[in-house]
Amino acid sequence: MLGGVLLAGFAFLSLMLAFVAVFVKAVFWLVLLPFRLLFWGVGAVVMLVGTAVAIGVGLIVGLALILAPLLPLAILGGLVYGLVRLIRRPAIA
């Protein structure tokens, strides 16, 4: 008989502690909810800015990779242009 009463007391105590834990967790969550929403908003803005920067960097790198094989031709053209300018320069009297 005493064991049953003791067991019922432990069950009631554990049930009350579970309710208190749920209540404390809910209050804690509600207190921190504005900060959580604020940081979600800030994170979304940072993600959008990061995505825009990544797209810009990707376009620049892609353009550089497309134009990179033409670089030796540009260097050769610049050398020829420089030589032609050097040859056509009037002589200093």
PDB file of N, CA and C in Angstrom:
ATOM      1  N   MET A   1       0.825  -1.191   0.000  1.00  0.00           N
ATOM      2  CA  MET A   1       0.000   0.000   0.000  1.00  0.00           C
ATOM      3  C   MET A   1       0.864   1.248   0.000  1.00  0.00           C
ATOM      4  N   LEU A   2       1.872   1.256   0.859  1.00  0.00           N
ATOM      5  CA  LEU A   2       2.745   2.425   0.930  1.00  0.00           C
ATOM      6  C   LEU A   2       3.542   2.573  -0.358  1.00  0.00           C
ATOM      7  N   GLY A   3       3.925   1.435  -0.973  1.00  0.00           N
ATOM      8  CA  GLY A   3       4.651   1.495  -2.248  1.00  0.00           C
ATOM      9  C   GLY A   3       3.810   2.098  -3.350  1.00  0.00           C
ATOM     10  N   GLY A   4       2.524   1.776  -3.370  1.00  0.00           N
ATOM     11  CA  GLY A   4       1.634   2.335  -4.387  1.00  0.00           C
ATOM     12  C   GLY A   4       1.462   3.833  -4.213  1.00  0.00           C
ATOM     13  N   VAL A   5       1.335   4.280  -2.957  1.00  0.00           N
ATOM     14  CA  VAL A   5       1.207   5.720  -2.680  1.00  0.00           C
ATOM     15  C   VAL A   5       2.494   6.433  -3.066  1.00  0.00           C
ATOM     16  N   LEU A   6       3.646   5.822  -2.746  1.00  0.00           N
ATOM     17  CA  LEU A   6       4.937   6.413  -3.089  1.00  0.00           C
ATOM     18  C   LEU A   6       5.093   6.493  -4.606  1.00  0.00           C
ATOM     19  N   LEU A   7       4.692   5.442  -5.313  1.00  0.00           N
ATOM     20  CA  LEU A   7       4.763   5.432  -6.770  1.00  0.00           C
ATOM     21  C   LEU A   7       3.839   6.484  -7.377  1.00  0.00           C
ATOM     22  N   ALA A   8       2.647   6.616  -6.832  1.00  0.00           N
ATOM     23  CA  ALA A   8       1.711   7.645  -7.310  1.00  0.00           C
ATOM     24  C   ALA A   8       2.284   9.042  -7.053  1.00  0.00           C
ATOM     25  N   GLY A   9       2.952   9.228  -5.915  1.00  0.00           N
ATOM     26  CA  GLY A   9       3.576  10.520  -5.626  1.00  0.00           C
ATOM     27  C   GLY A   9       4.687  10.842  -6.597  1.00  0.00           C
ATOM     28  N   PHE A  10       5.523   9.852  -6.904  1.00  0.00           N
ATOM     29  CA  PHE A  10       6.597  10.068  -7.881  1.00  0.00           C
ATOM     30  C   PHE A  10       6.021  10.367  -9.263  1.00  0.00           C
ATOM     31  N   ALA A  11       4.948   9.681  -9.645  1.00  0.00           N
ATOM     32  CA  ALA A  11       4.306   9.920 -10.937  1.00  0.00           C
ATOM     33  C   ALA A  11       3.744  11.335 -10.993  1.00  0.00           C
ATOM     34  N   PHE A  12       3.068  11.767  -9.890  1.00  0.00           N
ATOM     35  CA  PHE A  12       2.515  13.114  -9.846  1.00  0.00           C
ATOM     36  C   PHE A  12       3.637  14.163  -9.895  1.00  0.00           C
ATOM     37  N   LEU A  13       4.716  13.934  -9.167  1.00  0.00           N
ATOM     38  CA  LEU A  13       5.842  14.864  -9.156  1.00  0.00           C
ATOM     39  C   LEU A  13       6.495  14.954 -10.537  1.00  0.00           C
ATOM     40  N   SER A  14       6.685  13.815 -11.185  1.00  0.00           N
ATOM     41  CA  SER A  14       7.305  13.838 -12.507  1.00  0.00           C
ATOM     42  C   SER A  14       6.386  14.501 -13.525  1.00  0.00           C
ATOM     43  N   LEU A  15       5.077  14.299 -13.377  1.00  0.00           N
ATOM     44  CA  LEU A  15       4.131  14.960 -14.264  1.00  0.00           C
ATOM     45  C   LEU A  15       4.168  16.471 -14.063  1.00  0.00           C
ATOM     46  N   MET A  16       4.231  16.921 -12.823  1.00  0.00           N
ATOM     47  CA  MET A  16       4.317  18.363 -12.542  1.00  0.00           C
ATOM     48  C   MET A  16       5.623  18.948 -13.068  1.00  0.00           C
ATOM     49  N   LEU A  17       6.725  18.217 -12.878  1.00  0.00           N
ATOM     50  CA  LEU A  17       8.012  18.701 -13.399  1.00  0.00           C
ATOM     51  C   LEU A  17       7.994  18.779 -14.926  1.00  0.00           C
ATOM     52  N   ALA A  18       7.325  17.833 -15.583  1.00  0.00           N
ATOM     53  CA  ALA A  18       7.215  17.870 -17.047  1.00  0.00           C
ATOM     54  C   ALA A  18       6.422  19.097 -17.483  1.00  0.00           C
ATOM     55  N   PHE A  19       5.306  19.400 -16.777  1.00  0.00           N
ATOM     56  CA  PHE A  19       4.526  20.584 -17.113  1.00  0.00           C
ATOM     57  C   PHE A  19       5.335  21.861 -16.884  1.00  0.00           C
ATOM     58  N   VAL A  20       6.091  21.925 -15.788  1.00  0.00           N
ATOM     59  CA  VAL A  20       6.924  23.098 -15.503  1.00  0.00           C
ATOM     60  C   VAL A  20       7.990  23.254 -16.580  1.00  0.00           C
ATOM     61  N   ALA A  21       8.602  22.133 -17.000  1.00  0.00           N
ATOM     62  CA  ALA A  21       9.633  22.199 -18.036  1.00  0.00           C
ATOM     63  C   ALA A  21       9.048  22.693 -19.353  1.00  0.00           C
ATOM     64  N   VAL A  22       7.864  22.210 -19.712  1.00  0.00           N
ATOM     65  CA  VAL A  22       7.217  22.670 -20.946  1.00  0.00           C
ATOM     66  C   VAL A  22       6.869  24.149 -20.846  1.00  0.00           C
ATOM     67  N   PHE A  23       6.369  24.579 -19.700  1.00  0.00           N
ATOM     68  CA  PHE A  23       6.024  25.987 -19.504  1.00  0.00           C
ATOM     69  C   PHE A  23       7.253  26.876 -19.583  1.00  0.00           C
ATOM     70  N   VAL A  24       8.341  26.483 -18.903  1.00  0.00           N
ATOM     71  CA  VAL A  24       9.574  27.279 -18.923  1.00  0.00           C
ATOM     72  C   VAL A  24      10.137  27.341 -20.342  1.00  0.00           C
ATOM     73  N   LYS A  25      10.079  26.222 -21.063  1.00  0.00           N
ATOM     74  CA  LYS A  25      10.573  26.209 -22.430  1.00  0.00           C
ATOM     75  C   LYS A  25       9.728  27.128 -23.313  1.00  0.00           C
ATOM     76  N   ALA A  26       8.413  27.111 -23.144  1.00  0.00           N
ATOM     77  CA  ALA A  26       7.534  27.969 -23.936  1.00  0.00           C
ATOM     78  C   ALA A  26       7.788  29.440 -23.638  1.00  0.00           C
ATOM     79  N   VAL A  27       7.936  29.779 -22.363  1.00  0.00           N
ATOM     80  CA  VAL A  27       8.213  31.171 -21.990  1.00  0.00           C
ATOM     81  C   VAL A  27       9.562  31.610 -22.542  1.00  0.00           C
ATOM     82  N   PHE A  28      10.571  30.746 -22.427  1.00  0.00           N
ATOM     83  CA  PHE A  28      11.901  31.056 -22.949  1.00  0.00           C
ATOM     84  C   PHE A  28      11.836  31.268 -24.458  1.00  0.00           C
ATOM     85  N   TRP A  29      11.080  30.419 -25.158  1.00  0.00           N
ATOM     86  CA  TRP A  29      10.960  30.530 -26.603  1.00  0.00           C
ATOM     87  C   TRP A  29      10.251  31.827 -26.980  1.00  0.00           C
ATOM     88  N   LEU A  30       9.195  32.195 -26.235  1.00  0.00           N
ATOM     89  CA  LEU A  30       8.466  33.418 -26.535  1.00  0.00           C
ATOM     90  C   LEU A  30       9.287  34.670 -26.232  1.00  0.00           C
ATOM     91  N   VAL A  31      10.125  34.610 -25.206  1.00  0.00           N
ATOM     92  CA  VAL A  31      10.973  35.756 -24.892  1.00  0.00           C
ATOM     93  C   VAL A  31      12.020  35.951 -25.987  1.00  0.00           C
ATOM     94  N   LEU A  32      12.561  34.853 -26.492  1.00  0.00           N
ATOM     95  CA  LEU A  32      13.605  34.961 -27.514  1.00  0.00           C
ATOM     96  C   LEU A  32      13.065  35.034 -28.933  1.00  0.00           C
ATOM     97  N   LEU A  33      11.745  34.942 -29.106  1.00  0.00           N
ATOM     98  CA  LEU A  33      11.162  34.955 -30.445  1.00  0.00           C
ATOM     99  C   LEU A  33      11.479  36.226 -31.237  1.00  0.00           C
ATOM    100  N   PRO A  34      11.407  37.439 -30.660  1.00  0.00           N
ATOM    101  CA  PRO A  34      11.743  38.627 -31.459  1.00  0.00           C
ATOM    102  C   PRO A  34      13.183  38.597 -31.973  1.00  0.00           C
ATOM    103  N   PHE A  35      14.103  38.128 -31.139  1.00  0.00           N
ATOM    104  CA  PHE A  35      15.495  38.054 -31.586  1.00  0.00           C
ATOM    105  C   PHE A  35      15.659  37.012 -32.678  1.00  0.00           C
ATOM    106  N   ARG A  36      14.953  35.902 -32.541  1.00  0.00           N
ATOM    107  CA  ARG A  36      15.028  34.851 -33.559  1.00  0.00           C
ATOM    108  C   ARG A  36      14.488  35.377 -34.882  1.00  0.00           C
ATOM    109  N   LEU A  37      13.369  36.088 -34.852  1.00  0.00           N
ATOM    110  CA  LEU A  37      12.807  36.651 -36.086  1.00  0.00           C
ATOM    111  C   LEU A  37      13.729  37.705 -36.680  1.00  0.00           C
ATOM    112  N   LEU A  38      14.335  38.522 -35.818  1.00  0.00           N
ATOM    113  CA  LEU A  38      15.261  39.541 -36.292  1.00  0.00           C
ATOM    114  C   LEU A  38      16.461  38.910 -36.990  1.00  0.00           C
ATOM    115  N   PHE A  39      17.031  37.882 -36.383  1.00  0.00           N
ATOM    116  CA  PHE A  39      18.193  37.251 -36.988  1.00  0.00           C
ATOM    117  C   PHE A  39      17.821  36.459 -38.234  1.00  0.00           C
ATOM    118  N   TRP A  40      16.601  35.921 -38.306  1.00  0.00           N
ATOM    119  CA  TRP A  40      16.150  35.291 -39.542  1.00  0.00           C
ATOM    120  C   TRP A  40      16.087  36.327 -40.659  1.00  0.00           C
ATOM    121  N   GLY A  41      15.564  37.525 -40.366  1.00  0.00           N
ATOM    122  CA  GLY A  41      15.499  38.588 -41.367  1.00  0.00           C
ATOM    123  C   GLY A  41      16.876  39.039 -41.806  1.00  0.00           C
ATOM    124  N   VAL A  42      17.765  39.236 -40.830  1.00  0.00           N
ATOM    125  CA  VAL A  42      19.131  39.647 -41.159  1.00  0.00           C
ATOM    126  C   VAL A  42      19.818  38.561 -41.987  1.00  0.00           C
ATOM    127  N   GLY A  43      19.607  37.312 -41.609  1.00  0.00           N
ATOM    128  CA  GLY A  43      20.207  36.214 -42.365  1.00  0.00           C
ATOM    129  C   GLY A  43      19.685  36.156 -43.791  1.00  0.00           C
ATOM    130  N   ALA A  44      18.403  36.436 -43.976  1.00  0.00           N
ATOM    131  CA  ALA A  44      17.842  36.431 -45.326  1.00  0.00           C
ATOM    132  C   ALA A  44      18.446  37.542 -46.175  1.00  0.00           C
ATOM    133  N   VAL A  45      18.622  38.726 -45.585  1.00  0.00           N
ATOM    134  CA  VAL A  45      19.230  39.831 -46.321  1.00  0.00           C
ATOM    135  C   VAL A  45      20.681  39.509 -46.660  1.00  0.00           C
ATOM    136  N   VAL A  46      21.411  38.962 -45.701  1.00  0.00           N
ATOM    137  CA  VAL A  46      22.804  38.592 -45.957  1.00  0.00           C
ATOM    138  C   VAL A  46      22.879  37.534 -47.052  1.00  0.00           C
ATOM    139  N   MET A  47      21.950  36.587 -47.036  1.00  0.00           N
ATOM    140  CA  MET A  47      21.943  35.548 -48.066  1.00  0.00           C
ATOM    141  C   MET A  47      21.664  36.151 -49.439  1.00  0.00           C
ATOM    142  N   LEU A  48      20.730  37.096 -49.524  1.00  0.00           N
ATOM    143  CA  LEU A  48      20.444  37.728 -50.807  1.00  0.00           C
ATOM    144  C   LEU A  48      21.635  38.532 -51.320  1.00  0.00           C
ATOM    145  N   VAL A  49      22.286  39.279 -50.429  1.00  0.00           N
ATOM    146  CA  VAL A  49      23.465  40.057 -50.832  1.00  0.00           C
ATOM    147  C   VAL A  49      24.584  39.116 -51.259  1.00  0.00           C
ATOM    148  N   GLY A  50      24.788  38.043 -50.507  1.00  0.00           N
ATOM    149  CA  GLY A  50      25.818  37.074 -50.859  1.00  0.00           C
ATOM    150  C   GLY A  50      25.538  36.420 -52.201  1.00  0.00           C
ATOM    151  N   THR A  51      24.277  36.131 -52.473  1.00  0.00           N
ATOM    152  CA  THR A  51      23.918  35.546 -53.762  1.00  0.00           C
ATOM    153  C   THR A  51      24.191  36.531 -54.897  1.00  0.00           C
ATOM    154  N   ALA A  52      23.856  37.803 -54.697  1.00  0.00           N
ATOM    155  CA  ALA A  52      24.116  38.807 -55.728  1.00  0.00           C
ATOM    156  C   ALA A  52      25.617  38.963 -55.967  1.00  0.00           C
ATOM    157  N   VAL A  53      26.398  38.986 -54.903  1.00  0.00           N
ATOM    158  CA  VAL A  53      27.854  39.105 -55.046  1.00  0.00           C
ATOM    159  C   VAL A  53      28.411  37.872 -55.750  1.00  0.00           C
ATOM    160  N   ALA A  54      27.919  36.702 -55.397  1.00  0.00           N
ATOM    161  CA  ALA A  54      28.403  35.472 -56.024  1.00  0.00           C
ATOM    162  C   ALA A  54      28.064  35.444 -57.511  1.00  0.00           C
ATOM    163  N   ILE A  55      26.886  35.914 -57.876  1.00  0.00           N
ATOM    164  CA  ILE A  55      26.520  35.966 -59.294  1.00  0.00           C
ATOM    165  C   ILE A  55      27.420  36.950 -60.031  1.00  0.00           C
ATOM    166  N   GLY A  56      27.681  38.099 -59.429  1.00  0.00           N
ATOM    167  CA  GLY A  56      28.571  39.081 -60.059  1.00  0.00           C
ATOM    168  C   GLY A  56      29.983  38.547 -60.243  1.00  0.00           C
ATOM    169  N   VAL A  57      30.509  37.923 -59.205  1.00  0.00           N
ATOM    170  CA  VAL A  57      31.855  37.355 -59.296  1.00  0.00           C
ATOM    171  C   VAL A  57      31.887  36.237 -60.330  1.00  0.00           C
ATOM    172  N   GLY A  58      30.843  35.431 -60.368  1.00  0.00           N
ATOM    173  CA  GLY A  58      30.777  34.353 -61.357  1.00  0.00           C
ATOM    174  C   GLY A  58      30.749  34.881 -62.778  1.00  0.00           C
ATOM    175  N   LEU A  59      29.993  35.960 -63.007  1.00  0.00           N
ATOM    176  CA  LEU A  59      29.963  36.552 -64.346  1.00  0.00           C
ATOM    177  C   LEU A  59      31.314  37.128 -64.739  1.00  0.00           C
ATOM    178  N   ILE A  60      31.975  37.794 -63.807  1.00  0.00           N
ATOM    179  CA  ILE A  60      33.292  38.369 -64.107  1.00  0.00           C
ATOM    180  C   ILE A  60      34.305  37.264 -64.394  1.00  0.00           C
ATOM    181  N   VAL A  61      34.307  36.222 -63.563  1.00  0.00           N
ATOM    182  CA  VAL A  61      35.238  35.113 -63.783  1.00  0.00           C
ATOM    183  C   VAL A  61      34.917  34.395 -65.091  1.00  0.00           C
ATOM    184  N   GLY A  62      33.637  34.209 -65.381  1.00  0.00           N
ATOM    185  CA  GLY A  62      33.258  33.576 -66.648  1.00  0.00           C
ATOM    186  C   GLY A  62      33.695  34.390 -67.847  1.00  0.00           C
ATOM    187  N   LEU A  63      33.518  35.700 -67.790  1.00  0.00           N
ATOM    188  CA  LEU A  63      33.969  36.570 -68.877  1.00  0.00           C
ATOM    189  C   LEU A  63      35.482  36.519 -69.029  1.00  0.00           C
ATOM    190  N   ALA A  64      36.193  36.496 -67.902  1.00  0.00           N
ATOM    191  CA  ALA A  64      37.654  36.405 -67.961  1.00  0.00           C
ATOM    192  C   ALA A  64      38.097  35.070 -68.550  1.00  0.00           C
ATOM    193  N   LEU A  65      37.385  33.998 -68.205  1.00  0.00           N
ATOM    194  CA  LEU A  65      37.743  32.695 -68.771  1.00  0.00           C
ATOM    195  C   LEU A  65      37.440  32.617 -70.257  1.00  0.00           C
ATOM    196  N   ILE A  66      36.411  33.314 -70.702  1.00  0.00           N
ATOM    197  CA  ILE A  66      36.115  33.327 -72.132  1.00  0.00           C
ATOM    198  C   ILE A  66      37.155  34.142 -72.891  1.00  0.00           C
ATOM    199  N   LEU A  67      37.575  35.272 -72.317  1.00  0.00           N
ATOM    200  CA  LEU A  67      38.508  36.165 -73.016  1.00  0.00           C
ATOM    201  C   LEU A  67      39.974  35.784 -72.824  1.00  0.00           C
ATOM    202  N   ALA A  68      40.290  34.909 -71.897  1.00  0.00           N
ATOM    203  CA  ALA A  68      41.686  34.569 -71.611  1.00  0.00           C
ATOM    204  C   ALA A  68      42.414  33.966 -72.810  1.00  0.00           C
ATOM    205  N   PRO A  69      41.794  33.115 -73.621  1.00  0.00           N
ATOM    206  CA  PRO A  69      42.538  32.595 -74.781  1.00  0.00           C
ATOM    207  C   PRO A  69      42.906  33.662 -75.812  1.00  0.00           C
ATOM    208  N   LEU A  70      42.225  34.805 -75.777  1.00  0.00           N
ATOM    209  CA  LEU A  70      42.519  35.877 -76.721  1.00  0.00           C
ATOM    210  C   LEU A  70      43.653  36.785 -76.243  1.00  0.00           C
ATOM    211  N   LEU A  71      44.150  36.560 -75.052  1.00  0.00           N
ATOM    212  CA  LEU A  71      45.187  37.422 -74.491  1.00  0.00           C
ATOM    213  C   LEU A  71      46.486  37.407 -75.305  1.00  0.00           C
ATOM    214  N   PRO A  72      46.982  36.267 -75.764  1.00  0.00           N
ATOM    215  CA  PRO A  72      48.195  36.317 -76.600  1.00  0.00           C
ATOM    216  C   PRO A  72      47.997  37.123 -77.881  1.00  0.00           C
ATOM    217  N   LEU A  73      46.802  37.059 -78.469  1.00  0.00           N
ATOM    218  CA  LEU A  73      46.539  37.863 -79.668  1.00  0.00           C
ATOM    219  C   LEU A  73      46.536  39.352 -79.334  1.00  0.00           C
ATOM    220  N   ALA A  74      45.998  39.702 -78.180  1.00  0.00           N
ATOM    221  CA  ALA A  74      45.997  41.106 -77.763  1.00  0.00           C
ATOM    222  C   ALA A  74      47.419  41.596 -77.518  1.00  0.00           C
ATOM    223  N   ILE A  75      48.244  40.750 -76.913  1.00  0.00           N
ATOM    224  CA  ILE A  75      49.643  41.137 -76.672  1.00  0.00           C
ATOM    225  C   ILE A  75      50.368  41.314 -78.008  1.00  0.00           C
ATOM    226  N   LEU A  76      50.171  40.389 -78.941  1.00  0.00           N
ATOM    227  CA  LEU A  76      50.809  40.484 -80.247  1.00  0.00           C
ATOM    228  C   LEU A  76      50.334  41.729 -80.993  1.00  0.00           C
ATOM    229  N   GLY A  77      49.045  41.992 -80.932  1.00  0.00           N
ATOM    230  CA  GLY A  77      48.518  43.203 -81.565  1.00  0.00           C
ATOM    231  C   GLY A  77      49.103  44.468 -80.943  1.00  0.00           C
ATOM    232  N   GLY A  78      49.255  44.472 -79.625  1.00  0.00           N
ATOM    233  CA  GLY A  78      49.864  45.635 -78.964  1.00  0.00           C
ATOM    234  C   GLY A  78      51.316  45.827 -79.360  1.00  0.00           C
ATOM    235  N   LEU A  79      52.051  44.734 -79.507  1.00  0.00           N
ATOM    236  CA  LEU A  79      53.453  44.843 -79.940  1.00  0.00           C
ATOM    237  C   LEU A  79      53.558  45.370 -81.367  1.00  0.00           C
ATOM    238  N   VAL A  80      52.712  44.843 -82.253  1.00  0.00           N
ATOM    239  CA  VAL A  80      52.715  45.320 -83.642  1.00  0.00           C
ATOM    240  C   VAL A  80      52.322  46.785 -83.688  1.00  0.00           C
ATOM    241  N   TYR A  81      51.303  47.168 -82.927  1.00  0.00           N
ATOM    242  CA  TYR A  81      50.883  48.573 -82.890  1.00  0.00           C
ATOM    243  C   TYR A  81      52.026  49.458 -82.383  1.00  0.00           C
ATOM    244  N   GLY A  82      52.715  49.001 -81.346  1.00  0.00           N
ATOM    245  CA  GLY A  82      53.830  49.784 -80.820  1.00  0.00           C
ATOM    246  C   GLY A  82      54.964  49.919 -81.814  1.00  0.00           C
ATOM    247  N   LEU A  83      55.281  48.846 -82.533  1.00  0.00           N
ATOM    248  CA  LEU A  83      56.329  48.919 -83.555  1.00  0.00           C
ATOM    249  C   LEU A  83      55.940  49.851 -84.691  1.00  0.00           C
ATOM    250  N   VAL A  84      54.691  49.787 -85.138  1.00  0.00           N
ATOM    251  CA  VAL A  84      54.236  50.670 -86.218  1.00  0.00           C
ATOM    252  C   VAL A  84      54.308  52.115 -85.764  1.00  0.00           C
ATOM    253  N   ARG A  85      53.909  52.386 -84.543  1.00  0.00           N
ATOM    254  CA  ARG A  85      53.992  53.770 -84.030  1.00  0.00           C
ATOM    255  C   ARG A  85      55.444  54.227 -83.913  1.00  0.00           C
ATOM    256  N   LEU A  86      56.318  53.302 -83.541  1.00  0.00           N
ATOM    257  CA  LEU A  86      57.727  53.635 -83.399  1.00  0.00           C
ATOM    258  C   LEU A  86      58.358  53.918 -84.757  1.00  0.00           C
ATOM    259  N   ILE A  87      57.970  53.178 -85.788  1.00  0.00           N
ATOM    260  CA  ILE A  87      58.534  53.373 -87.126  1.00  0.00           C
ATOM    261  C   ILE A  87      57.994  54.636 -87.762  1.00  0.00           C
ATOM    262  N   ARG A  88      56.760  54.957 -87.572  1.00  0.00           N
ATOM    263  CA  ARG A  88      56.131  56.123 -88.213  1.00  0.00           C
ATOM    264  C   ARG A  88      56.386  57.424 -87.456  1.00  0.00           C
ATOM    265  N   ARG A  89      57.101  57.355 -86.373  1.00  0.00           N
ATOM    266  CA  ARG A  89      57.346  58.573 -85.606  1.00  0.00           C
ATOM    267  C   ARG A  89      58.285  59.483 -86.387  1.00  0.00           C
ATOM    268  N   PRO A  90      57.982  60.785 -86.445  1.00  0.00           N
ATOM    269  CA  PRO A  90      58.884  61.687 -87.187  1.00  0.00           C
ATOM    270  C   PRO A  90      60.225  61.820 -86.461  1.00  0.00           C
ATOM    271  N   ALA A  91      61.245  61.988 -87.242  1.00  0.00           N
ATOM    272  CA  ALA A  91      62.583  62.130 -86.688  1.00  0.00           C
ATOM    273  C   ALA A  91      62.712  63.497 -86.009  1.00  0.00           C
ATOM    274  N   ILE A  92      63.434  63.501 -84.909  1.00  0.00           N
ATOM    275  CA  ILE A  92      63.639  64.754 -84.186  1.00  0.00           C
ATOM    276  C   ILE A  92      64.806  65.481 -84.858  1.00  0.00           C
ATOM    277  N   ALA A  93      64.622  66.759 -85.195  1.00  0.00           N
ATOM    278  CA  ALA A  93      65.646  67.524 -85.927  1.00  0.00           C
ATOM    279  C   ALA A  93      66.741  68.004 -85.024  1.00  0.00           C
TER     280      ALA A  93
END
